[in-house]
Amino acid sequence: MIKIYSSRAIDYEIDNISDGNKKRQVEDLYDGLELEKIPYSYEIEQRVQVLKTFNIHFMDAYHIAYAESKNLDYFITVDKQLINASKRARLELKVVNPMEFILEVM
């Protein structure tokens, strides 16, 4: 079963979309999904600091730290730089693009 999660980091990024049409589209997408919210913890903040040492962008580090805190298997992104940085960080979860994810789980 595939579950989709949400976090304060995702909420923050959606809130900061400057293009009104794009923001509404993203909000509509998320409103239509059943998302489980991952709670914030101090451990997430600590993990972000470690992830940044692997040249993982600040907000990406939050997304990864939230996912790790829930012991998720996959983090899906189209950001090639994040995928490469996550390999250097030797994460327990797999950071993959959508196509890789589909090929692995199907």
N, C-alpha and C. Protein backbone atom coordinates (compact mmCIF):
# COMPACT_ATOMS: atom_id res chain seq x y z
N MET A 1 0.83 -1.18 0.00
CA MET A 1 0.00 0.00 0.00
C MET A 1 0.88 1.25 0.00
N ILE A 2 0.56 2.19 -0.83
CA ILE A 2 1.31 3.43 -0.92
C ILE A 2 0.59 4.51 -0.13
N LYS A 3 1.33 5.16 0.78
CA LYS A 3 0.80 6.25 1.57
C LYS A 3 1.55 7.53 1.20
N ILE A 4 0.85 8.63 1.22
CA ILE A 4 1.46 9.93 0.96
C ILE A 4 1.38 10.74 2.23
N TYR A 5 2.49 11.37 2.59
CA TYR A 5 2.58 12.11 3.84
C TYR A 5 2.72 13.61 3.59
N SER A 6 2.40 14.36 4.61
CA SER A 6 2.53 15.81 4.59
C SER A 6 3.34 16.23 5.81
N SER A 7 3.87 17.44 5.76
CA SER A 7 4.66 17.95 6.88
C SER A 7 4.59 19.48 6.89
N ARG A 8 5.11 20.05 7.95
CA ARG A 8 5.18 21.51 8.03
C ARG A 8 6.05 22.07 6.91
N ALA A 9 7.05 21.31 6.48
CA ALA A 9 7.92 21.77 5.40
C ALA A 9 7.15 21.89 4.09
N ILE A 10 6.28 20.94 3.82
CA ILE A 10 5.45 21.01 2.61
C ILE A 10 4.49 22.18 2.72
N ASP A 11 3.85 22.33 3.88
CA ASP A 11 2.93 23.45 4.09
C ASP A 11 3.64 24.78 3.85
N TYR A 12 4.85 24.91 4.37
CA TYR A 12 5.64 26.13 4.21
C TYR A 12 5.90 26.42 2.73
N GLU A 13 6.31 25.40 2.01
CA GLU A 13 6.62 25.62 0.59
C GLU A 13 5.37 25.97 -0.21
N ILE A 14 4.26 25.34 0.09
CA ILE A 14 3.01 25.67 -0.61
C ILE A 14 2.61 27.11 -0.29
N ASP A 15 2.71 27.49 0.97
CA ASP A 15 2.36 28.86 1.37
C ASP A 15 3.20 29.90 0.66
N ASN A 16 4.41 29.52 0.25
CA ASN A 16 5.32 30.48 -0.37
C ASN A 16 5.36 30.43 -1.90
N ILE A 17 4.42 29.74 -2.52
CA ILE A 17 4.31 29.76 -3.98
C ILE A 17 3.75 31.13 -4.37
N SER A 18 4.50 31.87 -5.15
CA SER A 18 4.10 33.24 -5.49
C SER A 18 3.07 33.31 -6.62
N ASP A 19 3.09 32.35 -7.52
CA ASP A 19 2.14 32.32 -8.64
C ASP A 19 0.79 31.83 -8.11
N GLY A 20 -0.20 32.72 -8.08
CA GLY A 20 -1.51 32.40 -7.52
C GLY A 20 -2.18 31.20 -8.16
N ASN A 21 -2.11 31.08 -9.49
CA ASN A 21 -2.73 29.95 -10.18
C ASN A 21 -2.04 28.63 -9.80
N LYS A 22 -0.72 28.66 -9.82
CA LYS A 22 0.04 27.45 -9.46
C LYS A 22 -0.25 27.05 -8.01
N LYS A 23 -0.30 28.05 -7.12
CA LYS A 23 -0.57 27.77 -5.71
C LYS A 23 -1.94 27.11 -5.54
N ARG A 24 -2.96 27.62 -6.23
CA ARG A 24 -4.30 27.02 -6.15
C ARG A 24 -4.30 25.59 -6.68
N GLN A 25 -3.58 25.35 -7.77
CA GLN A 25 -3.50 24.00 -8.33
C GLN A 25 -2.87 23.02 -7.33
N VAL A 26 -1.80 23.45 -6.69
CA VAL A 26 -1.13 22.59 -5.71
C VAL A 26 -2.04 22.37 -4.51
N GLU A 27 -2.68 23.42 -4.03
CA GLU A 27 -3.60 23.29 -2.89
C GLU A 27 -4.75 22.35 -3.24
N ASP A 28 -5.28 22.48 -4.45
CA ASP A 28 -6.37 21.59 -4.88
C ASP A 28 -5.90 20.14 -4.93
N LEU A 29 -4.69 19.92 -5.42
CA LEU A 29 -4.13 18.58 -5.46
C LEU A 29 -4.04 17.99 -4.05
N TYR A 30 -3.47 18.75 -3.14
CA TYR A 30 -3.30 18.24 -1.77
C TYR A 30 -4.63 18.10 -1.04
N ASP A 31 -5.58 18.98 -1.33
CA ASP A 31 -6.90 18.87 -0.70
C ASP A 31 -7.61 17.58 -1.11
N GLY A 32 -7.30 17.08 -2.30
CA GLY A 32 -7.95 15.88 -2.81
C GLY A 32 -7.30 14.58 -2.34
N LEU A 33 -6.22 14.67 -1.60
CA LEU A 33 -5.49 13.48 -1.14
C LEU A 33 -5.72 13.24 0.35
N GLU A 34 -5.67 12.00 0.73
CA GLU A 34 -5.70 11.66 2.15
C GLU A 34 -4.25 11.60 2.61
N LEU A 35 -3.83 12.61 3.32
CA LEU A 35 -2.44 12.70 3.76
C LEU A 35 -2.33 12.50 5.26
N GLU A 36 -1.31 11.78 5.65
CA GLU A 36 -1.00 11.67 7.07
C GLU A 36 0.07 12.71 7.38
N LYS A 37 -0.18 13.53 8.38
CA LYS A 37 0.76 14.58 8.75
C LYS A 37 1.86 14.01 9.63
N ILE A 38 3.11 14.29 9.29
CA ILE A 38 4.24 13.88 10.10
C ILE A 38 4.51 15.00 11.10
N PRO A 39 4.49 14.69 12.39
CA PRO A 39 4.68 15.75 13.38
C PRO A 39 6.13 16.23 13.44
N TYR A 40 6.28 17.49 13.79
CA TYR A 40 7.60 18.09 13.98
C TYR A 40 8.20 17.59 15.29
N SER A 41 9.52 17.45 15.31
CA SER A 41 10.22 17.09 16.54
C SER A 41 11.60 17.76 16.54
N TYR A 42 12.18 17.85 17.70
CA TYR A 42 13.51 18.42 17.84
C TYR A 42 14.53 17.58 17.06
N GLU A 43 14.32 16.27 17.00
CA GLU A 43 15.22 15.39 16.28
C GLU A 43 15.26 15.75 14.79
N ILE A 44 14.14 16.18 14.25
CA ILE A 44 14.11 16.61 12.84
C ILE A 44 15.05 17.79 12.66
N GLU A 45 14.96 18.75 13.56
CA GLU A 45 15.83 19.93 13.49
C GLU A 45 17.31 19.53 13.54
N GLN A 46 17.65 18.61 14.41
CA GLN A 46 19.03 18.13 14.51
C GLN A 46 19.46 17.43 13.22
N ARG A 47 18.59 16.62 12.66
CA ARG A 47 18.92 15.88 11.44
C ARG A 47 19.12 16.83 10.26
N VAL A 48 18.35 17.90 10.21
CA VAL A 48 18.51 18.90 9.14
C VAL A 48 19.93 19.44 9.13
N GLN A 49 20.48 19.72 10.30
CA GLN A 49 21.83 20.26 10.39
C GLN A 49 22.85 19.27 9.83
N VAL A 50 22.67 18.00 10.10
CA VAL A 50 23.57 16.97 9.55
C VAL A 50 23.41 16.87 8.04
N LEU A 51 22.18 16.84 7.56
CA LEU A 51 21.93 16.70 6.12
C LEU A 51 22.52 17.87 5.33
N LYS A 52 22.50 19.04 5.89
CA LYS A 52 23.06 20.21 5.21
C LYS A 52 24.56 20.06 4.96
N THR A 53 25.26 19.26 5.78
CA THR A 53 26.69 19.06 5.57
C THR A 53 26.98 18.25 4.31
N PHE A 54 25.96 17.62 3.75
CA PHE A 54 26.11 16.87 2.49
C PHE A 54 25.65 17.70 1.29
N ASN A 55 25.60 19.01 1.47
CA ASN A 55 25.16 19.95 0.43
C ASN A 55 23.71 19.71 0.00
N ILE A 56 22.91 19.30 0.96
CA ILE A 56 21.47 19.18 0.71
C ILE A 56 20.85 20.50 1.09
N HIS A 57 20.13 21.10 0.14
CA HIS A 57 19.50 22.40 0.33
C HIS A 57 18.66 22.40 1.61
N PHE A 58 18.60 23.54 2.26
CA PHE A 58 17.91 23.71 3.54
C PHE A 58 16.51 23.09 3.57
N MET A 59 15.63 23.46 2.63
CA MET A 59 14.26 22.93 2.64
C MET A 59 14.23 21.45 2.27
N ASP A 60 15.09 21.04 1.36
CA ASP A 60 15.17 19.61 1.02
C ASP A 60 15.60 18.80 2.24
N ALA A 61 16.50 19.35 3.04
CA ALA A 61 16.93 18.67 4.26
C ALA A 61 15.74 18.48 5.21
N TYR A 62 14.87 19.47 5.28
CA TYR A 62 13.68 19.31 6.12
C TYR A 62 12.78 18.20 5.58
N HIS A 63 12.56 18.18 4.28
CA HIS A 63 11.71 17.14 3.69
C HIS A 63 12.28 15.75 3.99
N ILE A 64 13.59 15.59 3.80
CA ILE A 64 14.23 14.30 4.06
C ILE A 64 14.15 13.94 5.54
N ALA A 65 14.42 14.91 6.41
CA ALA A 65 14.39 14.65 7.86
C ALA A 65 12.99 14.23 8.31
N TYR A 66 11.96 14.88 7.77
CA TYR A 66 10.59 14.46 8.10
C TYR A 66 10.35 13.03 7.63
N ALA A 67 10.76 12.72 6.42
CA ALA A 67 10.54 11.37 5.88
C ALA A 67 11.30 10.33 6.70
N GLU A 68 12.53 10.64 7.07
CA GLU A 68 13.31 9.71 7.88
C GLU A 68 12.67 9.50 9.25
N SER A 69 12.09 10.55 9.81
CA SER A 69 11.49 10.44 11.15
C SER A 69 10.32 9.46 11.16
N LYS A 70 9.73 9.24 10.01
CA LYS A 70 8.60 8.31 9.88
C LYS A 70 9.07 6.95 9.36
N ASN A 71 10.38 6.80 9.17
CA ASN A 71 10.96 5.56 8.65
C ASN A 71 10.37 5.17 7.30
N LEU A 72 10.20 6.16 6.43
CA LEU A 72 9.64 5.89 5.11
C LEU A 72 10.67 5.20 4.23
N ASP A 73 10.18 4.46 3.27
CA ASP A 73 11.06 3.73 2.35
C ASP A 73 11.55 4.59 1.19
N TYR A 74 10.69 5.51 0.72
CA TYR A 74 11.01 6.30 -0.46
C TYR A 74 10.70 7.78 -0.24
N PHE A 75 11.51 8.60 -0.90
CA PHE A 75 11.23 10.02 -1.05
C PHE A 75 11.29 10.28 -2.54
N ILE A 76 10.22 10.78 -3.12
CA ILE A 76 10.13 10.94 -4.57
C ILE A 76 10.33 12.41 -4.93
N THR A 77 11.22 12.65 -5.88
CA THR A 77 11.53 14.00 -6.32
C THR A 77 12.01 13.98 -7.77
N VAL A 78 11.92 15.12 -8.42
CA VAL A 78 12.50 15.26 -9.76
C VAL A 78 13.79 16.07 -9.70
N ASP A 79 14.23 16.41 -8.52
CA ASP A 79 15.43 17.21 -8.29
C ASP A 79 16.67 16.32 -8.36
N LYS A 80 17.36 16.36 -9.50
CA LYS A 80 18.55 15.50 -9.69
C LYS A 80 19.65 15.82 -8.70
N GLN A 81 19.80 17.09 -8.36
CA GLN A 81 20.82 17.48 -7.40
C GLN A 81 20.54 16.85 -6.03
N LEU A 82 19.28 16.83 -5.62
CA LEU A 82 18.91 16.21 -4.35
C LEU A 82 19.13 14.70 -4.39
N ILE A 83 18.79 14.07 -5.49
CA ILE A 83 19.02 12.63 -5.63
C ILE A 83 20.50 12.32 -5.48
N ASN A 84 21.36 13.08 -6.15
CA ASN A 84 22.81 12.85 -6.06
C ASN A 84 23.35 13.13 -4.66
N ALA A 85 22.91 14.22 -4.05
CA ALA A 85 23.37 14.56 -2.69
C ALA A 85 22.92 13.50 -1.69
N SER A 86 21.74 12.96 -1.88
CA SER A 86 21.24 11.95 -0.95
C SER A 86 22.06 10.67 -1.02
N LYS A 87 22.61 10.38 -2.19
CA LYS A 87 23.49 9.20 -2.31
C LYS A 87 24.77 9.40 -1.51
N ARG A 88 25.30 10.60 -1.53
CA ARG A 88 26.50 10.90 -0.74
C ARG A 88 26.21 10.79 0.76
N ALA A 89 24.98 11.13 1.14
CA ALA A 89 24.60 11.12 2.56
C ALA A 89 24.28 9.72 3.06
N ARG A 90 24.18 8.76 2.15
CA ARG A 90 23.89 7.36 2.50
C ARG A 90 22.67 7.24 3.41
N LEU A 91 21.56 7.74 2.91
CA LEU A 91 20.30 7.72 3.66
C LEU A 91 19.72 6.33 3.73
N GLU A 92 18.90 6.09 4.71
CA GLU A 92 18.22 4.80 4.83
C GLU A 92 17.04 4.71 3.88
N LEU A 93 16.42 5.84 3.57
CA LEU A 93 15.33 5.82 2.60
C LEU A 93 15.91 6.08 1.21
N LYS A 94 15.21 5.64 0.19
CA LYS A 94 15.65 5.84 -1.18
C LYS A 94 15.06 7.14 -1.71
N VAL A 95 15.92 7.99 -2.25
CA VAL A 95 15.48 9.22 -2.88
C VAL A 95 15.55 8.96 -4.38
N VAL A 96 14.38 8.94 -5.01
CA VAL A 96 14.28 8.53 -6.41
C VAL A 96 13.36 9.46 -7.18
N ASN A 97 13.49 9.42 -8.51
CA ASN A 97 12.55 10.17 -9.34
C ASN A 97 11.28 9.32 -9.53
N PRO A 98 10.21 9.92 -9.99
CA PRO A 98 8.94 9.18 -10.10
C PRO A 98 9.04 7.91 -10.95
N MET A 99 9.80 7.95 -12.04
CA MET A 99 9.91 6.78 -12.91
C MET A 99 10.64 5.64 -12.19
N GLU A 100 11.73 5.96 -11.51
CA GLU A 100 12.44 4.92 -10.75
C GLU A 100 11.52 4.31 -9.70
N PHE A 101 10.72 5.13 -9.04
CA PHE A 101 9.80 4.63 -8.04
C PHE A 101 8.80 3.64 -8.65
N ILE A 102 8.22 4.03 -9.77
CA ILE A 102 7.24 3.16 -10.44
C ILE A 102 7.88 1.84 -10.84
N LEU A 103 9.08 1.90 -11.39
CA LEU A 103 9.75 0.68 -11.82
C LEU A 103 10.10 -0.23 -10.64
N GLU A 104 10.41 0.37 -9.50
CA GLU A 104 10.78 -0.44 -8.33
C GLU A 104 9.58 -1.08 -7.65
N VAL A 105 8.45 -0.39 -7.62
CA VAL A 105 7.31 -0.91 -6.85
C VAL A 105 6.32 -1.70 -7.70
N MET A 106 6.43 -1.63 -9.00
CA MET A 106 5.48 -2.35 -9.85
C MET A 106 5.97 -3.74 -10.17
